[in-house]
C-alpha cells in the first residue's frame, strides 16, 4: 500500500473535549472543544495542540476526552417499514 493511501485511510475527524482549571479560580473547571483532522492512533495534531496549551496558556489541564470518526466508510441506508400520513 502506498504511504499516501495508508495516511488517508487512517486520517479521522477528531474532536477533543479539554477540561481545564481556570487560572484565577483553580477550583473551577472550564471546557473547551477542539476539532481537526488527525491521524489515529497517535493523533499528532492533537498532541502538538496540547503541548502548545501546556507551554503557553495559564489554564492547567484537568482531562482530555478524545473521539474520532473515520472519513471513509460505507454508506448507511435504512429502509422504512411503514409510511404514515398525518393531516
PDB file of N, CA and C in Angstrom:
ATOM      1  N   UNK A   1       0.837  -1.178   0.000  1.00  0.00           N
ATOM      2  CA  UNK A   1       0.000   0.000   0.000  1.00  0.00           C
ATOM      3  C   UNK A   1       0.887   1.248   0.000  1.00  0.00           C
ATOM      4  N   UNK A   2       0.523   2.216  -0.780  1.00  0.00           N
ATOM      5  CA  UNK A   2       1.265   3.470  -0.882  1.00  0.00           C
ATOM      6  C   UNK A   2       1.134   4.257   0.433  1.00  0.00           C
ATOM      7  N   UNK A   3       2.178   4.964   0.888  1.00  0.00           N
ATOM      8  CA  UNK A   3       2.087   5.714   2.149  1.00  0.00           C
ATOM      9  C   UNK A   3       0.952   6.742   2.175  1.00  0.00           C
ATOM     10  N   UNK A   4       0.676   7.354   1.026  1.00  0.00           N
ATOM     11  CA  UNK A   4      -0.420   8.328   0.988  1.00  0.00           C
ATOM     12  C   UNK A   4      -1.759   7.645   1.215  1.00  0.00           C
ATOM     13  N   UNK A   5      -1.925   6.456   0.654  1.00  0.00           N
ATOM     14  CA  UNK A   5      -3.173   5.719   0.854  1.00  0.00           C
ATOM     15  C   UNK A   5      -3.358   5.345   2.319  1.00  0.00           C
ATOM     16  N   UNK A   6      -2.304   4.867   2.941  1.00  0.00           N
ATOM     17  CA  UNK A   6      -2.427   4.486   4.346  1.00  0.00           C
ATOM     18  C   UNK A   6      -2.708   5.706   5.213  1.00  0.00           C
ATOM     19  N   UNK A   7      -2.135   6.858   4.844  1.00  0.00           N
ATOM     20  CA  UNK A   7      -2.391   8.086   5.604  1.00  0.00           C
ATOM     21  C   UNK A   7      -3.852   8.517   5.445  1.00  0.00           C
ATOM     22  N   UNK A   8      -4.385   8.429   4.227  1.00  0.00           N
ATOM     23  CA  UNK A   8      -5.778   8.793   4.011  1.00  0.00           C
ATOM     24  C   UNK A   8      -6.725   7.857   4.747  1.00  0.00           C
ATOM     25  N   UNK A   9      -6.382   6.595   4.795  1.00  0.00           N
ATOM     26  CA  UNK A   9      -7.241   5.640   5.478  1.00  0.00           C
ATOM     27  C   UNK A   9      -7.219   5.830   6.991  1.00  0.00           C
ATOM     28  N   UNK A  10      -6.122   6.327   7.546  1.00  0.00           N
ATOM     29  CA  UNK A  10      -6.044   6.489   8.990  1.00  0.00           C
ATOM     30  C   UNK A  10      -6.412   7.896   9.443  1.00  0.00           C
ATOM     31  N   UNK A  11      -6.614   8.831   8.500  1.00  0.00           N
ATOM     32  CA  UNK A  11      -6.986  10.202   8.856  1.00  0.00           C
ATOM     33  C   UNK A  11      -8.442  10.211   9.309  1.00  0.00           C
ATOM     34  N   UNK A  12      -8.687  10.853  10.458  1.00  0.00           N
ATOM     35  CA  UNK A  12     -10.032  10.861  11.025  1.00  0.00           C
ATOM     36  C   UNK A  12     -10.401  12.268  11.482  1.00  0.00           C
ATOM     37  N   UNK A  13     -11.696  12.539  11.467  1.00  0.00           N
ATOM     38  CA  UNK A  13     -12.190  13.759  12.066  1.00  0.00           C
ATOM     39  C   UNK A  13     -12.140  13.553  13.575  1.00  0.00           C
ATOM     40  N   UNK A  14     -11.328  14.336  14.241  1.00  0.00           N
ATOM     41  CA  UNK A  14     -11.056  14.137  15.658  1.00  0.00           C
ATOM     42  C   UNK A  14     -11.611  15.307  16.458  1.00  0.00           C
ATOM     43  N   UNK A  15     -12.292  14.997  17.549  1.00  0.00           N
ATOM     44  CA  UNK A  15     -12.792  16.018  18.448  1.00  0.00           C
ATOM     45  C   UNK A  15     -12.296  15.711  19.849  1.00  0.00           C
ATOM     46  N   UNK A  16     -11.796  16.731  20.530  1.00  0.00           N
ATOM     47  CA  UNK A  16     -11.320  16.564  21.900  1.00  0.00           C
ATOM     48  C   UNK A  16     -12.029  17.570  22.791  1.00  0.00           C
ATOM     49  N   UNK A  17     -12.598  17.082  23.877  1.00  0.00           N
ATOM     50  CA  UNK A  17     -13.147  17.967  24.893  1.00  0.00           C
ATOM     51  C   UNK A  17     -12.088  18.123  25.962  1.00  0.00           C
ATOM     52  N   UNK A  18     -11.580  19.324  26.103  1.00  0.00           N
ATOM     53  CA  UNK A  18     -10.487  19.616  27.022  1.00  0.00           C
ATOM     54  C   UNK A  18     -11.078  20.320  28.239  1.00  0.00           C
ATOM     55  N   UNK A  19     -10.924  19.719  29.395  1.00  0.00           N
ATOM     56  CA  UNK A  19     -11.374  20.323  30.643  1.00  0.00           C
ATOM     57  C   UNK A  19     -10.137  20.843  31.362  1.00  0.00           C
ATOM     58  N   UNK A  20     -10.198  22.112  31.775  1.00  0.00           N
ATOM     59  CA  UNK A  20      -9.028  22.731  32.398  1.00  0.00           C
ATOM     60  C   UNK A  20      -9.447  23.590  33.583  1.00  0.00           C
ATOM     61  N   UNK A  21      -8.477  23.870  34.469  1.00  0.00           N
ATOM     62  CA  UNK A  21      -8.703  24.715  35.635  1.00  0.00           C
ATOM     63  C   UNK A  21      -8.600  26.172  35.218  1.00  0.00           C
ATOM     64  N   UNK A  22      -9.527  27.000  35.684  1.00  0.00           N
ATOM     65  CA  UNK A  22      -9.444  28.423  35.400  1.00  0.00           C
ATOM     66  C   UNK A  22      -8.227  29.009  36.120  1.00  0.00           C
ATOM     67  N   UNK A  23      -7.441  29.851  35.471  1.00  0.00           N
ATOM     68  CA  UNK A  23      -6.225  30.382  36.096  1.00  0.00           C
ATOM     69  C   UNK A  23      -6.505  31.189  37.374  1.00  0.00           C
ATOM     70  N   UNK A  24      -7.551  32.014  37.365  1.00  0.00           N
ATOM     71  CA  UNK A  24      -7.842  32.848  38.540  1.00  0.00           C
ATOM     72  C   UNK A  24      -8.590  32.105  39.635  1.00  0.00           C
ATOM     73  N   UNK A  25      -9.328  31.068  39.271  1.00  0.00           N
ATOM     74  CA  UNK A  25     -10.115  30.277  40.218  1.00  0.00           C
ATOM     75  C   UNK A  25      -9.820  28.797  39.975  1.00  0.00           C
ATOM     76  N   UNK A  26      -8.729  28.267  40.516  1.00  0.00           N
ATOM     77  CA  UNK A  26      -8.318  26.889  40.208  1.00  0.00           C
ATOM     78  C   UNK A  26      -9.313  25.810  40.633  1.00  0.00           C
ATOM     79  N   UNK A  27     -10.241  26.139  41.519  1.00  0.00           N
ATOM     80  CA  UNK A  27     -11.225  25.142  41.943  1.00  0.00           C
ATOM     81  C   UNK A  27     -12.324  24.964  40.893  1.00  0.00           C
ATOM     82  N   UNK A  28     -12.442  25.908  39.947  1.00  0.00           N
ATOM     83  CA  UNK A  28     -13.461  25.818  38.906  1.00  0.00           C
ATOM     84  C   UNK A  28     -12.879  25.221  37.625  1.00  0.00           C
ATOM     85  N   UNK A  29     -13.702  24.448  36.943  1.00  0.00           N
ATOM     86  CA  UNK A  29     -13.292  23.831  35.685  1.00  0.00           C
ATOM     87  C   UNK A  29     -14.038  24.473  34.523  1.00  0.00           C
ATOM     88  N   UNK A  30     -13.349  24.597  33.405  1.00  0.00           N
ATOM     89  CA  UNK A  30     -13.914  25.135  32.167  1.00  0.00           C
ATOM     90  C   UNK A  30     -13.712  24.087  31.078  1.00  0.00           C
ATOM     91  N   UNK A  31     -14.588  24.081  30.081  1.00  0.00           N
ATOM     92  CA  UNK A  31     -14.499  23.110  28.993  1.00  0.00           C
ATOM     93  C   UNK A  31     -14.202  23.831  27.687  1.00  0.00           C
ATOM     94  N   UNK A  32     -13.371  23.202  26.851  1.00  0.00           N
ATOM     95  CA  UNK A  32     -13.005  23.726  25.537  1.00  0.00           C
ATOM     96  C   UNK A  32     -13.085  22.577  24.552  1.00  0.00           C
ATOM     97  N   UNK A  33     -13.678  22.818  23.379  1.00  0.00           N
ATOM     98  CA  UNK A  33     -13.814  21.770  22.365  1.00  0.00           C
ATOM     99  C   UNK A  33     -12.875  22.088  21.204  1.00  0.00           C
ATOM    100  N   UNK A  34     -12.027  21.122  20.849  1.00  0.00           N
ATOM    101  CA  UNK A  34     -11.074  21.233  19.750  1.00  0.00           C
ATOM    102  C   UNK A  34     -11.455  20.213  18.695  1.00  0.00           C
ATOM    103  N   UNK A  35     -11.429  20.618  17.418  1.00  0.00           N
ATOM    104  CA  UNK A  35     -11.789  19.697  16.339  1.00  0.00           C
ATOM    105  C   UNK A  35     -10.863  19.927  15.153  1.00  0.00           C
ATOM    106  N   UNK A  36     -10.354  18.835  14.579  1.00  0.00           N
ATOM    107  CA  UNK A  36      -9.460  18.907  13.428  1.00  0.00           C
ATOM    108  C   UNK A  36      -9.357  17.512  12.815  1.00  0.00           C
ATOM    109  N   UNK A  37      -8.753  17.442  11.635  1.00  0.00           N
ATOM    110  CA  UNK A  37      -8.465  16.155  11.026  1.00  0.00           C
ATOM    111  C   UNK A  37      -7.121  15.692  11.562  1.00  0.00           C
ATOM    112  N   UNK A  38      -7.063  14.448  12.028  1.00  0.00           N
ATOM    113  CA  UNK A  38      -5.856  13.944  12.651  1.00  0.00           C
ATOM    114  C   UNK A  38      -5.674  12.472  12.293  1.00  0.00           C
ATOM    115  N   UNK A  39      -4.496  11.960  12.552  1.00  0.00           N
ATOM    116  CA  UNK A  39      -4.155  10.588  12.198  1.00  0.00           C
ATOM    117  C   UNK A  39      -4.210   9.719  13.447  1.00  0.00           C
ATOM    118  N   UNK A  40      -5.061   8.709  13.410  1.00  0.00           N
ATOM    119  CA  UNK A  40      -5.194   7.784  14.534  1.00  0.00           C
ATOM    120  C   UNK A  40      -4.139   6.700  14.406  1.00  0.00           C
ATOM    121  N   UNK A  41      -3.667   6.106  15.444  1.00  0.00           N
ATOM    122  CA  UNK A  41      -3.990   6.303  16.858  1.00  0.00           C
ATOM    123  C   UNK A  41      -3.040   7.271  17.566  1.00  0.00           C
ATOM    124  N   UNK A  42      -2.041   7.815  16.889  1.00  0.00           N
ATOM    125  CA  UNK A  42      -1.058   8.675  17.563  1.00  0.00           C
ATOM    126  C   UNK A  42      -1.581  10.093  17.791  1.00  0.00           C
ATOM    127  N   UNK A  43      -2.477  10.584  16.922  1.00  0.00           N
ATOM    128  CA  UNK A  43      -3.051  11.918  16.991  1.00  0.00           C
ATOM    129  C   UNK A  43      -1.977  12.997  17.139  1.00  0.00           C
ATOM    130  N   UNK A  44      -1.094  13.167  16.132  1.00  0.00           N
ATOM    131  CA  UNK A  44      -0.004  14.138  16.252  1.00  0.00           C
ATOM    132  C   UNK A  44      -0.487  15.590  16.323  1.00  0.00           C
ATOM    133  N   UNK A  45      -1.553  15.957  15.622  1.00  0.00           N
ATOM    134  CA  UNK A  45      -2.043  17.342  15.670  1.00  0.00           C
ATOM    135  C   UNK A  45      -2.585  17.672  17.060  1.00  0.00           C
ATOM    136  N   UNK A  46      -3.321  16.752  17.647  1.00  0.00           N
ATOM    137  CA  UNK A  46      -3.839  16.958  18.998  1.00  0.00           C
ATOM    138  C   UNK A  46      -2.697  17.039  20.004  1.00  0.00           C
ATOM    139  N   UNK A  47      -1.698  16.200  19.833  1.00  0.00           N
ATOM    140  CA  UNK A  47      -0.547  16.219  20.736  1.00  0.00           C
ATOM    141  C   UNK A  47       0.184  17.555  20.650  1.00  0.00           C
ATOM    142  N   UNK A  48       0.381  18.084  19.429  1.00  0.00           N
ATOM    143  CA  UNK A  48       1.015  19.399  19.264  1.00  0.00           C
ATOM    144  C   UNK A  48       0.192  20.493  19.926  1.00  0.00           C
ATOM    145  N   UNK A  49      -1.149  20.425  19.776  1.00  0.00           N
ATOM    146  CA  UNK A  49      -2.005  21.428  20.391  1.00  0.00           C
ATOM    147  C   UNK A  49      -1.928  21.370  21.917  1.00  0.00           C
ATOM    148  N   UNK A  50      -1.944  20.172  22.478  1.00  0.00           N
ATOM    149  CA  UNK A  50      -1.864  20.041  23.931  1.00  0.00           C
ATOM    150  C   UNK A  50      -0.501  20.489  24.457  1.00  0.00           C
ATOM    151  N   UNK A  51       0.573  20.220  23.707  1.00  0.00           N
ATOM    152  CA  UNK A  51       1.894  20.735  24.094  1.00  0.00           C
ATOM    153  C   UNK A  51       1.909  22.254  24.086  1.00  0.00           C
ATOM    154  N   UNK A  52       1.314  22.862  23.043  1.00  0.00           N
ATOM    155  CA  UNK A  52       1.205  24.313  22.983  1.00  0.00           C
ATOM    156  C   UNK A  52       0.432  24.840  24.191  1.00  0.00           C
ATOM    157  N   UNK A  53      -0.669  24.162  24.514  1.00  0.00           N
ATOM    158  CA  UNK A  53      -1.504  24.575  25.649  1.00  0.00           C
ATOM    159  C   UNK A  53      -0.686  24.581  26.939  1.00  0.00           C
ATOM    160  N   UNK A  54       0.031  23.502  27.195  1.00  0.00           N
ATOM    161  CA  UNK A  54       0.778  23.390  28.447  1.00  0.00           C
ATOM    162  C   UNK A  54       1.917  24.404  28.548  1.00  0.00           C
ATOM    163  N   UNK A  55       2.523  24.767  27.428  1.00  0.00           N
ATOM    164  CA  UNK A  55       3.664  25.677  27.469  1.00  0.00           C
ATOM    165  C   UNK A  55       3.285  27.151  27.374  1.00  0.00           C
ATOM    166  N   UNK A  56       2.133  27.487  26.782  1.00  0.00           N
ATOM    167  CA  UNK A  56       1.816  28.886  26.508  1.00  0.00           C
ATOM    168  C   UNK A  56       0.562  29.419  27.199  1.00  0.00           C
ATOM    169  N   UNK A  57      -0.297  28.566  27.709  1.00  0.00           N
ATOM    170  CA  UNK A  57      -1.533  29.033  28.332  1.00  0.00           C
ATOM    171  C   UNK A  57      -1.494  28.785  29.834  1.00  0.00           C
ATOM    172  N   UNK A  58      -2.248  29.593  30.572  1.00  0.00           N
ATOM    173  CA  UNK A  58      -2.212  29.517  32.032  1.00  0.00           C
ATOM    174  C   UNK A  58      -3.100  28.430  32.622  1.00  0.00           C
ATOM    175  N   UNK A  59      -4.160  28.046  31.929  1.00  0.00           N
ATOM    176  CA  UNK A  59      -5.081  27.052  32.474  1.00  0.00           C
ATOM    177  C   UNK A  59      -4.459  25.672  32.507  1.00  0.00           C
ATOM    178  N   UNK A  60      -4.333  25.092  33.717  1.00  0.00           N
ATOM    179  CA  UNK A  60      -3.760  23.754  33.875  1.00  0.00           C
ATOM    180  C   UNK A  60      -4.780  22.708  33.423  1.00  0.00           C
ATOM    181  N   UNK A  61      -4.338  21.750  32.619  1.00  0.00           N
ATOM    182  CA  UNK A  61      -5.227  20.715  32.091  1.00  0.00           C
ATOM    183  C   UNK A  61      -5.727  19.795  33.200  1.00  0.00           C
ATOM    184  N   UNK A  62      -7.005  19.469  33.118  1.00  0.00           N
ATOM    185  CA  UNK A  62      -7.600  18.515  34.049  1.00  0.00           C
ATOM    186  C   UNK A  62      -7.807  17.174  33.367  1.00  0.00           C
ATOM    187  N   UNK A  63      -8.477  17.183  32.199  1.00  0.00           N
ATOM    188  CA  UNK A  63      -8.726  15.941  31.471  1.00  0.00           C
ATOM    189  C   UNK A  63      -8.971  16.253  30.000  1.00  0.00           C
ATOM    190  N   UNK A  64      -8.757  15.243  29.168  1.00  0.00           N
ATOM    191  CA  UNK A  64      -8.993  15.355  27.733  1.00  0.00           C
ATOM    192  C   UNK A  64      -9.746  14.104  27.296  1.00  0.00           C
ATOM    193  N   UNK A  65     -10.899  14.300  26.658  1.00  0.00           N
ATOM    194  CA  UNK A  65     -11.694  13.202  26.120  1.00  0.00           C
ATOM    195  C   UNK A  65     -11.641  13.289  24.604  1.00  0.00           C
ATOM    196  N   UNK A  66     -11.202  12.217  23.950  1.00  0.00           N
ATOM    197  CA  UNK A  66     -10.991  12.226  22.505  1.00  0.00           C
ATOM    198  C   UNK A  66     -11.980  11.278  21.835  1.00  0.00           C
ATOM    199  N   UNK A  67     -12.606  11.767  20.762  1.00  0.00           N
ATOM    200  CA  UNK A  67     -13.431  10.922  19.909  1.00  0.00           C
ATOM    201  C   UNK A  67     -12.983  11.134  18.475  1.00  0.00           C
ATOM    202  N   UNK A  68     -13.059  10.084  17.678  1.00  0.00           N
ATOM    203  CA  UNK A  68     -12.625  10.164  16.285  1.00  0.00           C
ATOM    204  C   UNK A  68     -13.578   9.354  15.415  1.00  0.00           C
ATOM    205  N   UNK A  69     -13.855   9.887  14.233  1.00  0.00           N
ATOM    206  CA  UNK A  69     -14.736   9.211  13.274  1.00  0.00           C
ATOM    207  C   UNK A  69     -13.987   9.059  11.965  1.00  0.00           C
ATOM    208  N   UNK A  70     -14.093   7.897  11.359  1.00  0.00           N
ATOM    209  CA  UNK A  70     -13.425   7.671  10.076  1.00  0.00           C
ATOM    210  C   UNK A  70     -14.077   8.521   8.999  1.00  0.00           C
ATOM    211  N   UNK A  71     -13.276   8.947   8.038  1.00  0.00           N
ATOM    212  CA  UNK A  71     -13.790   9.790   6.969  1.00  0.00           C
ATOM    213  C   UNK A  71     -14.422   8.973   5.861  1.00  0.00           C
ATOM    214  N   UNK A  72     -13.847   7.826   5.565  1.00  0.00           N
ATOM    215  CA  UNK A  72     -14.381   6.980   4.505  1.00  0.00           C
ATOM    216  C   UNK A  72     -14.985   5.739   5.127  1.00  0.00           C
ATOM    217  N   UNK A  73     -16.277   5.588   4.948  1.00  0.00           N
ATOM    218  CA  UNK A  73     -16.955   4.401   5.452  1.00  0.00           C
ATOM    219  C   UNK A  73     -18.110   4.100   4.515  1.00  0.00           C
ATOM    220  N   UNK A  74     -18.581   2.884   4.514  1.00  0.00           N
ATOM    221  CA  UNK A  74     -19.676   2.550   3.613  1.00  0.00           C
ATOM    222  C   UNK A  74     -20.934   3.343   3.954  1.00  0.00           C
ATOM    223  N   UNK A  75     -21.724   3.580   2.937  1.00  0.00           N
ATOM    224  CA  UNK A  75     -22.967   4.328   3.138  1.00  0.00           C
ATOM    225  C   UNK A  75     -23.900   3.526   4.042  1.00  0.00           C
ATOM    226  N   UNK A  76     -24.608   4.247   4.864  1.00  0.00           N
ATOM    227  CA  UNK A  76     -25.540   3.593   5.779  1.00  0.00           C
ATOM    228  C   UNK A  76     -26.965   3.924   5.347  1.00  0.00           C
ATOM    229  N   UNK A  77     -27.699   2.899   4.926  1.00  0.00           N
ATOM    230  CA  UNK A  77     -29.079   3.062   4.500  1.00  0.00           C
ATOM    231  C   UNK A  77     -29.978   2.241   5.394  1.00  0.00           C
ATOM    232  N   UNK A  78     -31.155   2.784   5.646  1.00  0.00           N
ATOM    233  CA  UNK A  78     -32.168   2.035   6.383  1.00  0.00           C
ATOM    234  C   UNK A  78     -33.491   2.322   5.702  1.00  0.00           C
ATOM    235  N   UNK A  79     -34.170   1.290   5.283  1.00  0.00           N
ATOM    236  CA  UNK A  79     -35.434   1.451   4.590  1.00  0.00           C
ATOM    237  C   UNK A  79     -36.572   1.522   5.597  1.00  0.00           C
ATOM    238  N   UNK A  80     -37.554   2.364   5.308  1.00  0.00           N
ATOM    239  CA  UNK A  80     -38.704   2.495   6.181  1.00  0.00           C
ATOM    240  C   UNK A  80     -39.633   1.306   5.993  1.00  0.00           C
ATOM    241  N   UNK A  81     -40.176   0.807   7.090  1.00  0.00           N
ATOM    242  CA  UNK A  81     -41.119  -0.308   7.037  1.00  0.00           C
ATOM    243  C   UNK A  81     -42.525   0.187   6.725  1.00  0.00           C
ATOM    244  N   UNK A  82     -42.872   1.362   7.233  1.00  0.00           N
ATOM    245  CA  UNK A  82     -44.225   1.903   7.006  1.00  0.00           C
ATOM    246  C   UNK A  82     -44.140   3.381   6.663  1.00  0.00           C
ATOM    247  N   UNK A  83     -45.209   3.866   6.057  1.00  0.00           N
ATOM    248  CA  UNK A  83     -45.337   5.286   5.763  1.00  0.00           C
ATOM    249  C   UNK A  83     -46.614   5.763   6.429  1.00  0.00           C
ATOM    250  N   UNK A  84     -46.519   6.779   7.270  1.00  0.00           N
ATOM    251  CA  UNK A  84     -47.686   7.323   7.975  1.00  0.00           C
ATOM    252  C   UNK A  84     -48.001   8.690   7.430  1.00  0.00           C
ATOM    253  N   UNK A  85     -49.276   9.000   7.286  1.00  0.00           N
ATOM    254  CA  UNK A  85     -49.724  10.320   6.831  1.00  0.00           C
ATOM    255  C   UNK A  85     -50.549  10.950   7.935  1.00  0.00           C
ATOM    256  N   UNK A  86     -50.245  12.195   8.247  1.00  0.00           N
ATOM    257  CA  UNK A  86     -50.948  12.919   9.305  1.00  0.00           C
ATOM    258  C   UNK A  86     -51.512  14.189   8.700  1.00  0.00           C
ATOM    259  N   UNK A  87     -52.784  14.482   8.975  1.00  0.00           N
ATOM    260  CA  UNK A  87     -53.438  15.690   8.424  1.00  0.00           C
ATOM    261  C   UNK A  87     -52.804  16.900   9.049  1.00  0.00           C
TER     262      UNK A  87
END
